N, C-alpha and C. Protein backbone atom coordinates (compact mmCIF):
# COMPACT_ATOMS: atom_id res chain seq x y z
N UNK A 1 -120.48 -160.52 37.01
CA UNK A 1 -119.14 -161.34 37.28
C UNK A 1 -119.59 -162.82 36.80
N UNK A 2 -118.25 -163.17 36.87
CA UNK A 2 -118.14 -164.68 36.42
C UNK A 2 -118.59 -166.03 37.33
N UNK A 3 -119.85 -166.17 37.29
CA UNK A 3 -120.25 -167.27 38.23
C UNK A 3 -118.66 -167.92 39.24
N UNK A 4 -117.97 -168.46 37.75
CA UNK A 4 -116.69 -169.43 38.64
C UNK A 4 -115.71 -168.81 39.23
N UNK A 5 -115.88 -167.31 39.72
CA UNK A 5 -115.00 -167.25 40.31
C UNK A 5 -115.32 -166.39 41.64
N UNK A 6 -116.82 -166.45 41.84
CA UNK A 6 -117.64 -166.43 43.43
C UNK A 6 -116.58 -166.64 44.46
N UNK A 7 -116.12 -167.83 44.83
CA UNK A 7 -115.65 -168.00 45.76
C UNK A 7 -114.43 -167.41 46.06
N UNK A 8 -113.72 -167.16 45.58
CA UNK A 8 -112.46 -166.22 45.25
C UNK A 8 -112.86 -165.08 45.78
N UNK A 9 -114.17 -164.02 45.67
CA UNK A 9 -114.49 -163.15 45.45
C UNK A 9 -114.77 -163.03 47.39
N UNK A 10 -115.62 -164.14 47.55
CA UNK A 10 -116.50 -164.55 48.77
C UNK A 10 -115.50 -165.01 49.49
N UNK A 11 -114.28 -165.61 49.56
CA UNK A 11 -113.44 -166.05 50.08
C UNK A 11 -112.58 -165.10 50.56
N UNK A 12 -112.36 -164.27 49.93
CA UNK A 12 -111.27 -163.33 50.36
C UNK A 12 -112.01 -162.50 51.50
N UNK A 13 -113.43 -162.30 51.45
CA UNK A 13 -113.96 -161.19 51.98
C UNK A 13 -114.52 -161.94 53.53
N UNK A 14 -114.72 -162.91 53.36
CA UNK A 14 -114.61 -163.88 54.81
C UNK A 14 -113.76 -163.79 55.47
N UNK A 15 -112.40 -164.27 54.46
CA UNK A 15 -111.37 -164.12 55.54
C UNK A 15 -111.01 -162.52 55.58
N UNK A 16 -111.35 -161.18 55.17
CA UNK A 16 -110.97 -159.89 55.68
C UNK A 16 -111.93 -159.65 57.06
N UNK A 17 -113.62 -160.28 57.02
CA UNK A 17 -114.14 -159.81 58.18
C UNK A 17 -113.93 -160.55 59.20
N UNK A 18 -113.09 -161.66 58.90
CA UNK A 18 -112.81 -162.78 60.09
C UNK A 18 -111.43 -161.97 61.08
N UNK A 19 -110.75 -161.51 59.81
CA UNK A 19 -109.31 -160.71 60.60
C UNK A 19 -110.01 -159.26 61.11
N UNK A 20 -110.63 -158.81 61.20
CA UNK A 20 -111.31 -157.24 61.31
C UNK A 20 -111.88 -157.61 62.61
N UNK A 21 -112.83 -158.70 63.09
CA UNK A 21 -113.07 -159.24 64.37
C UNK A 21 -112.44 -159.48 65.28
N UNK A 22 -111.23 -160.07 64.71
CA UNK A 22 -110.11 -160.54 65.46
C UNK A 22 -109.04 -159.41 65.89
N UNK A 23 -108.86 -158.66 65.37
CA UNK A 23 -108.26 -157.31 65.39
C UNK A 23 -109.40 -156.38 66.57
N UNK A 24 -110.37 -156.42 66.29
CA UNK A 24 -111.35 -155.34 66.85
C UNK A 24 -111.97 -156.08 68.18
N UNK A 25 -111.61 -157.55 68.81
CA UNK A 25 -111.82 -158.50 69.56
C UNK A 25 -110.34 -158.22 70.52
N UNK A 26 -109.12 -158.00 69.67
CA UNK A 26 -107.94 -157.56 70.17
C UNK A 26 -107.58 -156.27 70.66
N UNK A 27 -108.63 -155.26 70.12
CA UNK A 27 -108.70 -153.94 70.36
C UNK A 27 -108.97 -153.78 71.93
N UNK A 28 -109.75 -154.68 72.06
CA UNK A 28 -110.78 -154.75 73.56
C UNK A 28 -109.81 -155.24 74.57
N UNK A 29 -108.90 -156.33 74.22
CA UNK A 29 -108.30 -156.67 74.94
C UNK A 29 -109.36 -158.22 75.44
N UNK A 30 -109.86 -158.57 74.55
CA UNK A 30 -110.67 -159.86 74.56
C UNK A 30 -110.29 -160.85 73.73
N UNK A 31 -109.11 -160.88 73.37
CA UNK A 31 -108.88 -162.00 72.48
C UNK A 31 -108.43 -163.30 72.79
N UNK A 32 -108.42 -163.41 73.90
CA UNK A 32 -107.47 -164.38 74.82
C UNK A 32 -109.11 -165.56 75.31
N UNK A 33 -110.09 -164.88 75.10
CA UNK A 33 -111.47 -165.18 75.54
C UNK A 33 -111.69 -166.67 74.35
N UNK A 34 -111.37 -167.73 74.61
CA UNK A 34 -112.18 -168.83 73.32
C UNK A 34 -113.65 -168.88 73.21
N UNK A 35 -114.61 -168.41 73.64
CA UNK A 35 -115.62 -168.22 73.42
C UNK A 35 -116.10 -167.40 72.56
N UNK A 36 -115.92 -165.84 72.25
CA UNK A 36 -115.69 -165.17 71.40
C UNK A 36 -115.50 -165.53 70.01
N UNK A 37 -115.03 -166.72 69.72
CA UNK A 37 -114.46 -167.44 68.72
C UNK A 37 -115.81 -168.42 68.04
N UNK A 38 -116.86 -168.12 68.87
CA UNK A 38 -118.30 -168.78 68.27
C UNK A 38 -118.93 -168.02 67.16
N UNK A 39 -118.37 -166.54 67.09
CA UNK A 39 -119.27 -165.46 66.33
C UNK A 39 -118.20 -165.33 65.17
N UNK A 40 -116.69 -165.79 64.84
CA UNK A 40 -116.54 -166.52 63.83
C UNK A 40 -117.40 -167.71 63.13
N UNK A 41 -117.95 -168.70 63.57
CA UNK A 41 -118.90 -169.47 62.74
C UNK A 41 -119.92 -168.68 62.00
N UNK A 42 -120.63 -167.92 62.89
CA UNK A 42 -121.78 -166.63 61.88
C UNK A 42 -120.91 -166.05 60.72
N UNK A 43 -120.17 -165.81 61.42
CA UNK A 43 -119.21 -164.98 60.14
C UNK A 43 -119.06 -165.63 58.45
N UNK A 44 -118.69 -167.04 58.79
CA UNK A 44 -118.56 -168.10 57.83
C UNK A 44 -119.73 -168.80 57.39
N UNK A 45 -120.43 -168.91 58.52
CA UNK A 45 -121.96 -169.18 57.85
C UNK A 45 -122.64 -168.27 56.86
N UNK A 46 -122.13 -166.93 57.16
CA UNK A 46 -123.04 -165.72 56.19
C UNK A 46 -122.36 -165.79 55.23
N UNK A 47 -121.30 -165.92 55.11
CA UNK A 47 -120.25 -165.97 53.75
C UNK A 47 -120.92 -166.92 53.01
N UNK A 48 -120.70 -168.19 53.51
CA UNK A 48 -120.94 -169.75 52.89
C UNK A 48 -122.09 -169.54 52.05
N UNK A 49 -123.02 -168.72 52.90
CA UNK A 49 -125.02 -169.02 52.43
C UNK A 49 -124.66 -167.71 51.42
N UNK A 50 -124.12 -166.79 51.55
CA UNK A 50 -124.18 -165.55 50.37
C UNK A 50 -123.52 -165.97 48.90
N UNK A 51 -122.47 -166.79 49.66
CA UNK A 51 -121.99 -167.08 47.78
C UNK A 51 -122.42 -168.11 47.28
N UNK A 52 -123.55 -169.10 48.14
CA UNK A 52 -123.79 -170.16 47.04
C UNK A 52 -125.17 -169.51 46.68
N UNK A 53 -125.94 -168.62 47.37
CA UNK A 53 -127.10 -167.78 46.89
C UNK A 53 -126.35 -167.12 45.94
N UNK A 54 -125.53 -166.05 45.75
CA UNK A 54 -125.16 -165.85 44.55
C UNK A 54 -125.04 -166.19 43.13
N UNK A 55 -123.96 -167.42 43.12
CA UNK A 55 -124.11 -167.85 42.61
C UNK A 55 -125.66 -169.12 42.02
N UNK A 56 -126.53 -169.49 42.45
CA UNK A 56 -127.50 -169.78 41.97
C UNK A 56 -128.65 -168.59 41.58
N UNK A 57 -128.34 -167.28 41.62
CA UNK A 57 -129.16 -166.36 41.29
C UNK A 57 -128.46 -165.93 39.49
N UNK A 58 -127.22 -166.24 39.47
CA UNK A 58 -126.68 -165.90 38.58
C UNK A 58 -126.67 -167.08 37.66
N UNK A 59 -126.55 -168.04 37.82
CA UNK A 59 -126.71 -169.20 37.00
C UNK A 59 -128.38 -169.29 36.56
N UNK A 60 -128.69 -169.20 37.67
CA UNK A 60 -130.36 -169.60 37.00
C UNK A 60 -131.04 -171.12 37.24
N UNK A 61 -131.26 -171.02 35.64
CA UNK A 61 -131.62 -172.61 35.36
C UNK A 61 -130.57 -173.73 35.40
N UNK A 62 -129.36 -173.17 35.16
CA UNK A 62 -128.04 -173.96 35.12
C UNK A 62 -127.36 -174.43 36.32
N UNK A 63 -128.44 -173.85 37.81
CA UNK A 63 -127.35 -173.77 38.70
C UNK A 63 -127.60 -175.62 38.62
N UNK A 64 -126.99 -176.18 39.66
CA UNK A 64 -126.80 -177.32 40.03
C UNK A 64 -126.53 -177.55 41.39
N UNK A 65 -126.36 -178.74 42.14
CA UNK A 65 -126.05 -179.12 43.41
C UNK A 65 -124.36 -179.13 43.51
N UNK A 66 -123.74 -179.94 42.12
CA UNK A 66 -122.71 -179.51 42.50
C UNK A 66 -121.80 -178.16 42.26
N UNK A 67 -122.30 -177.49 41.59
CA UNK A 67 -122.01 -176.07 41.63
C UNK A 67 -122.03 -175.22 42.63
N UNK A 68 -123.50 -176.15 43.36
CA UNK A 68 -123.44 -175.05 44.43
C UNK A 68 -122.15 -175.17 45.83
N UNK A 69 -122.32 -176.72 45.85
CA UNK A 69 -121.10 -177.45 46.78
C UNK A 69 -120.16 -177.08 46.72
N UNK A 70 -119.17 -176.86 45.53
CA UNK A 70 -118.18 -176.30 45.11
C UNK A 70 -118.06 -175.03 45.23
N UNK A 71 -118.56 -174.07 44.98
CA UNK A 71 -118.84 -172.79 45.52
C UNK A 71 -118.79 -172.42 47.26
N UNK A 72 -119.63 -173.48 48.12
CA UNK A 72 -119.02 -173.24 49.04
C UNK A 72 -118.05 -173.86 50.34
N UNK A 73 -117.64 -174.63 49.52
CA UNK A 73 -116.12 -175.43 49.94
C UNK A 73 -115.44 -174.52 49.89
N UNK A 74 -114.92 -174.07 48.61
CA UNK A 74 -113.72 -173.43 47.85
C UNK A 74 -114.00 -172.01 48.93
N UNK A 75 -115.12 -171.29 49.01
CA UNK A 75 -115.10 -170.15 49.28
C UNK A 75 -114.83 -170.05 50.65
N UNK A 76 -115.20 -170.98 51.59
CA UNK A 76 -115.03 -171.10 53.11
C UNK A 76 -113.30 -171.51 53.26
N UNK A 77 -113.40 -172.83 52.46
CA UNK A 77 -111.87 -172.95 52.34
C UNK A 77 -110.69 -172.48 51.81
N UNK A 78 -110.83 -171.12 51.23
CA UNK A 78 -110.19 -169.83 50.79
C UNK A 78 -110.51 -169.16 52.36
N UNK A 79 -111.20 -168.96 52.77
CA UNK A 79 -111.30 -168.02 53.74
C UNK A 79 -110.53 -168.48 55.42
N UNK A 80 -110.59 -169.93 55.29
CA UNK A 80 -109.82 -170.41 56.26
C UNK A 80 -108.33 -170.54 56.24
N UNK A 81 -107.98 -170.76 55.16
CA UNK A 81 -106.33 -170.62 54.53
C UNK A 81 -105.80 -169.11 54.75
N UNK A 82 -106.89 -168.22 54.12
CA UNK A 82 -106.35 -166.80 54.77
C UNK A 82 -105.99 -166.27 56.22
N UNK A 83 -107.17 -166.94 56.26
CA UNK A 83 -107.46 -166.54 58.52
C UNK A 83 -106.39 -167.34 59.39
N UNK A 84 -105.86 -168.41 58.22
CA UNK A 84 -105.12 -169.04 59.67
C UNK A 84 -103.77 -168.56 58.53
N UNK A 85 -103.48 -168.25 57.85
CA UNK A 85 -102.27 -167.53 57.56
C UNK A 85 -102.09 -166.05 58.16
N UNK A 86 -102.97 -165.59 58.29
CA UNK A 86 -102.83 -164.08 59.31
C UNK A 86 -102.47 -164.38 60.29
N UNK A 87 -103.46 -165.69 61.01
CA UNK A 87 -103.05 -166.14 62.65
C UNK A 87 -101.63 -166.81 62.99
N UNK A 88 -101.26 -167.27 61.97
CA UNK A 88 -99.78 -167.20 61.76
C UNK A 88 -98.58 -166.40 62.09
N UNK A 89 -98.45 -165.55 61.00
CA UNK A 89 -97.82 -164.16 61.20
C UNK A 89 -98.42 -163.64 62.80
N UNK A 90 -99.16 -163.71 62.74
CA UNK A 90 -99.81 -162.69 64.23
C UNK A 90 -99.31 -163.21 65.27
N UNK A 91 -99.56 -164.74 65.55
CA UNK A 91 -98.70 -165.08 66.94
C UNK A 91 -97.15 -165.94 66.95
N UNK A 92 -96.53 -166.24 65.89
CA UNK A 92 -95.27 -166.04 65.46
C UNK A 92 -94.51 -164.62 65.57
N UNK A 93 -95.13 -163.56 64.82
CA UNK A 93 -94.04 -162.31 64.64
C UNK A 93 -94.37 -161.30 65.43
N UNK A 94 -96.14 -161.21 65.49
CA UNK A 94 -96.65 -159.70 66.46
C UNK A 94 -96.86 -159.90 67.45
N UNK A 95 -97.21 -161.36 67.89
CA UNK A 95 -97.33 -161.42 69.53
C UNK A 95 -96.91 -162.65 69.93
N UNK A 96 -95.80 -163.32 69.81
CA UNK A 96 -95.62 -164.69 70.21
C UNK A 96 -96.34 -165.30 71.56
N UNK A 97 -96.04 -164.08 72.32
CA UNK A 97 -96.90 -164.20 73.80
C UNK A 97 -98.07 -165.25 73.51
N UNK A 98 -99.13 -164.36 73.02
CA UNK A 98 -100.84 -164.92 72.63
C UNK A 98 -100.90 -166.63 72.73
N UNK A 99 -100.16 -167.31 72.42
CA UNK A 99 -100.63 -168.80 72.31
C UNK A 99 -100.32 -169.39 73.81
N UNK A 100 -99.30 -168.51 74.17
CA UNK A 100 -98.93 -169.03 75.98
C UNK A 100 -99.91 -168.81 76.09
N UNK A 101 -100.30 -167.63 76.56
CA UNK A 101 -101.91 -167.10 77.25
C UNK A 101 -103.12 -167.65 77.07
N UNK A 102 -103.23 -168.53 75.55
CA UNK A 102 -104.00 -169.06 75.48
C UNK A 102 -104.50 -170.81 75.96
N UNK A 103 -103.15 -170.92 75.73
CA UNK A 103 -103.02 -172.58 75.94
C UNK A 103 -102.97 -172.40 77.80
N UNK A 104 -102.83 -171.62 78.43
CA UNK A 104 -103.20 -172.30 79.62
C UNK A 104 -104.07 -171.99 80.65
N UNK A 105 -104.85 -171.65 79.83
CA UNK A 105 -106.31 -171.99 79.74
C UNK A 105 -106.88 -173.08 79.53
N UNK A 106 -106.46 -173.13 78.53
CA UNK A 106 -107.05 -174.19 77.26
C UNK A 106 -106.64 -175.38 77.80
N UNK A 107 -105.39 -175.83 77.43
CA UNK A 107 -104.41 -177.21 77.59
C UNK A 107 -103.74 -176.78 78.38
N UNK A 108 -104.19 -177.17 80.12
CA UNK A 108 -102.72 -177.23 80.90
C UNK A 108 -101.70 -178.15 80.87
N UNK A 109 -101.86 -179.37 80.62
CA UNK A 109 -101.06 -180.52 80.69
C UNK A 109 -100.26 -180.99 79.33
N UNK A 110 -101.14 -179.96 78.21
CA UNK A 110 -100.38 -181.01 76.87
C UNK A 110 -100.39 -179.83 75.99
N UNK A 111 -99.12 -178.69 76.11
CA UNK A 111 -98.31 -177.65 75.43
C UNK A 111 -97.81 -178.08 74.08
N UNK A 112 -98.08 -178.30 73.23
CA UNK A 112 -97.14 -178.16 71.68
C UNK A 112 -97.65 -177.28 71.21
N UNK A 113 -97.12 -175.82 71.87
CA UNK A 113 -96.61 -174.75 70.90
C UNK A 113 -97.87 -174.15 70.01
N UNK A 114 -97.24 -172.60 69.37
CA UNK A 114 -98.56 -172.77 68.34
C UNK A 114 -99.00 -173.44 67.54
N UNK A 115 -98.15 -174.52 66.70
CA UNK A 115 -98.30 -175.21 65.45
C UNK A 115 -99.92 -176.05 66.18
N UNK A 116 -100.47 -176.39 67.08
CA UNK A 116 -101.30 -177.04 67.60
C UNK A 116 -102.51 -176.15 67.42
N UNK A 117 -102.01 -174.95 67.98
CA UNK A 117 -103.81 -173.86 67.54
C UNK A 117 -103.71 -173.54 65.83
N UNK A 118 -102.94 -173.77 65.26
CA UNK A 118 -102.66 -173.83 63.59
C UNK A 118 -103.69 -174.57 62.87
N UNK A 119 -103.43 -175.89 64.13
CA UNK A 119 -103.82 -177.05 63.28
C UNK A 119 -105.29 -177.23 63.51
N UNK A 120 -105.35 -176.71 64.94
CA UNK A 120 -107.04 -176.67 64.96
C UNK A 120 -107.78 -175.37 64.64
N UNK A 121 -107.26 -174.40 63.93
CA UNK A 121 -108.17 -173.49 63.56
C UNK A 121 -108.46 -173.90 61.95
N UNK A 122 -107.23 -174.83 61.77
CA UNK A 122 -108.08 -175.04 60.03
C UNK A 122 -108.85 -176.48 60.03
N UNK A 123 -108.58 -177.26 61.29
CA UNK A 123 -109.65 -178.25 61.06
C UNK A 123 -111.25 -177.54 61.73
N UNK A 124 -111.20 -176.84 62.56
CA UNK A 124 -112.82 -176.20 62.92
C UNK A 124 -112.93 -175.41 61.42
N UNK A 125 -111.76 -174.58 60.68
CA UNK A 125 -112.44 -174.27 59.48
C UNK A 125 -113.12 -174.58 58.25
N UNK A 126 -112.17 -175.74 57.99
CA UNK A 126 -112.92 -176.59 57.24
C UNK A 126 -113.72 -177.49 57.69
N UNK A 127 -113.98 -177.90 58.61
CA UNK A 127 -115.36 -179.17 59.15
C UNK A 127 -116.65 -178.27 59.25
N UNK A 128 -116.28 -176.33 59.77
CA UNK A 128 -117.61 -175.64 59.74
C UNK A 128 -117.99 -175.33 58.03
N UNK A 129 -117.33 -175.67 57.14
CA UNK A 129 -117.62 -175.27 55.85
C UNK A 129 -118.07 -176.51 55.31
N UNK A 130 -117.79 -177.44 55.77
CA UNK A 130 -118.31 -179.05 55.09
C UNK A 130 -119.94 -178.98 55.81
N UNK A 131 -119.85 -178.45 56.80
CA UNK A 131 -121.14 -178.77 57.42
C UNK A 131 -121.94 -177.54 57.07
N UNK A 132 -121.63 -176.29 57.10
CA UNK A 132 -122.12 -175.59 56.32
C UNK A 132 -122.92 -175.27 55.53
N UNK A 133 -122.02 -176.25 54.16
CA UNK A 133 -122.13 -175.79 52.75
C UNK A 133 -123.28 -177.17 52.65
N UNK A 134 -123.07 -178.50 53.40
CA UNK A 134 -124.33 -179.28 53.14
C UNK A 134 -125.06 -178.85 53.07
N UNK A 135 -125.29 -177.67 54.69
CA UNK A 135 -126.77 -177.52 55.31
C UNK A 135 -127.58 -176.49 54.03
N UNK A 136 -126.48 -175.68 53.94
CA UNK A 136 -127.68 -174.41 52.70
C UNK A 136 -127.48 -175.21 51.74
N UNK A 137 -127.17 -176.06 50.89
CA UNK A 137 -127.37 -176.94 49.61
C UNK A 137 -128.73 -177.43 49.94
N UNK A 138 -129.30 -178.14 51.26
CA UNK A 138 -130.69 -178.45 51.16
C UNK A 138 -131.25 -177.24 50.58
N UNK A 139 -131.33 -176.17 50.82
CA UNK A 139 -132.21 -175.28 50.71
C UNK A 139 -131.92 -174.91 49.62
N UNK A 140 -131.03 -174.32 48.47
CA UNK A 140 -130.33 -174.51 47.19
C UNK A 140 -130.43 -175.18 46.45
N UNK A 141 -130.91 -176.16 46.66
CA UNK A 141 -130.39 -177.11 45.22
C UNK A 141 -132.12 -177.32 44.89
N UNK A 142 -131.95 -177.86 43.34
CA UNK A 142 -133.05 -177.67 42.75
C UNK A 142 -133.59 -179.34 43.09
N UNK A 143 -135.33 -178.69 43.02
CA UNK A 143 -136.30 -179.44 43.61
C UNK A 143 -135.87 -180.82 42.38
N UNK A 144 -136.44 -181.58 42.54
CA UNK A 144 -136.43 -183.14 41.51
C UNK A 144 -138.21 -183.54 41.51
N UNK A 145 -139.01 -183.21 42.63
CA UNK A 145 -140.10 -183.26 42.76
C UNK A 145 -141.24 -182.43 41.28
N UNK A 146 -141.69 -183.64 40.95
CA UNK A 146 -142.56 -183.62 39.73
C UNK A 146 -143.71 -181.96 40.29
N UNK A 147 -143.94 -181.27 39.40
CA UNK A 147 -145.13 -180.12 39.34
C UNK A 147 -146.12 -181.26 39.69
N UNK A 148 -147.28 -181.14 40.95
CA UNK A 148 -148.83 -181.51 40.56
C UNK A 148 -149.27 -180.59 39.73
N UNK A 149 -150.20 -181.64 38.93
CA UNK A 149 -151.56 -181.29 38.12
C UNK A 149 -152.56 -182.06 38.31
N UNK A 150 -153.39 -181.24 38.08
CA UNK A 150 -154.46 -181.57 38.60
C UNK A 150 -154.81 -183.05 37.75
N UNK A 151 -155.29 -183.77 39.00
CA UNK A 151 -155.35 -185.27 38.65
C UNK A 151 -157.11 -185.53 38.03
N UNK A 152 -157.58 -186.31 37.04
CA UNK A 152 -158.67 -186.43 36.57
C UNK A 152 -158.87 -187.84 37.05
N UNK A 153 -160.34 -187.54 37.56
CA UNK A 153 -161.36 -188.25 38.75
C UNK A 153 -161.82 -189.69 37.49
């Protein structure tokens, strides 16, 4: 696999898993509970971690901080955009009453329509991607520490 295309593969996989999770929650009628969106963060975290990890394995000694950071950001951003696109289709065409139901329990006095929900999803996805990528790169970055050698007395 081409290491420079990992973000596309994992971004789409993350998006598909997020969509499947939403549809599963929808099947049980729990899609209006905003607390169940916490698992979205777990799905995103595992996907970004797996993408950076695979890039590091494939690159070997050529792996550096920039390549890992770029892979994490691109995969998370792509997943966010695909998922938000799905949610836009869902909210505007499949279930137009969903934003109203969600917002009546979420923002009683500040109704701005489904657009504000789309904006919140984008901001949540991008912010979580940046934070997760920064956190995971602390584990995957190459060390600059010199190797310890036996010192002569």
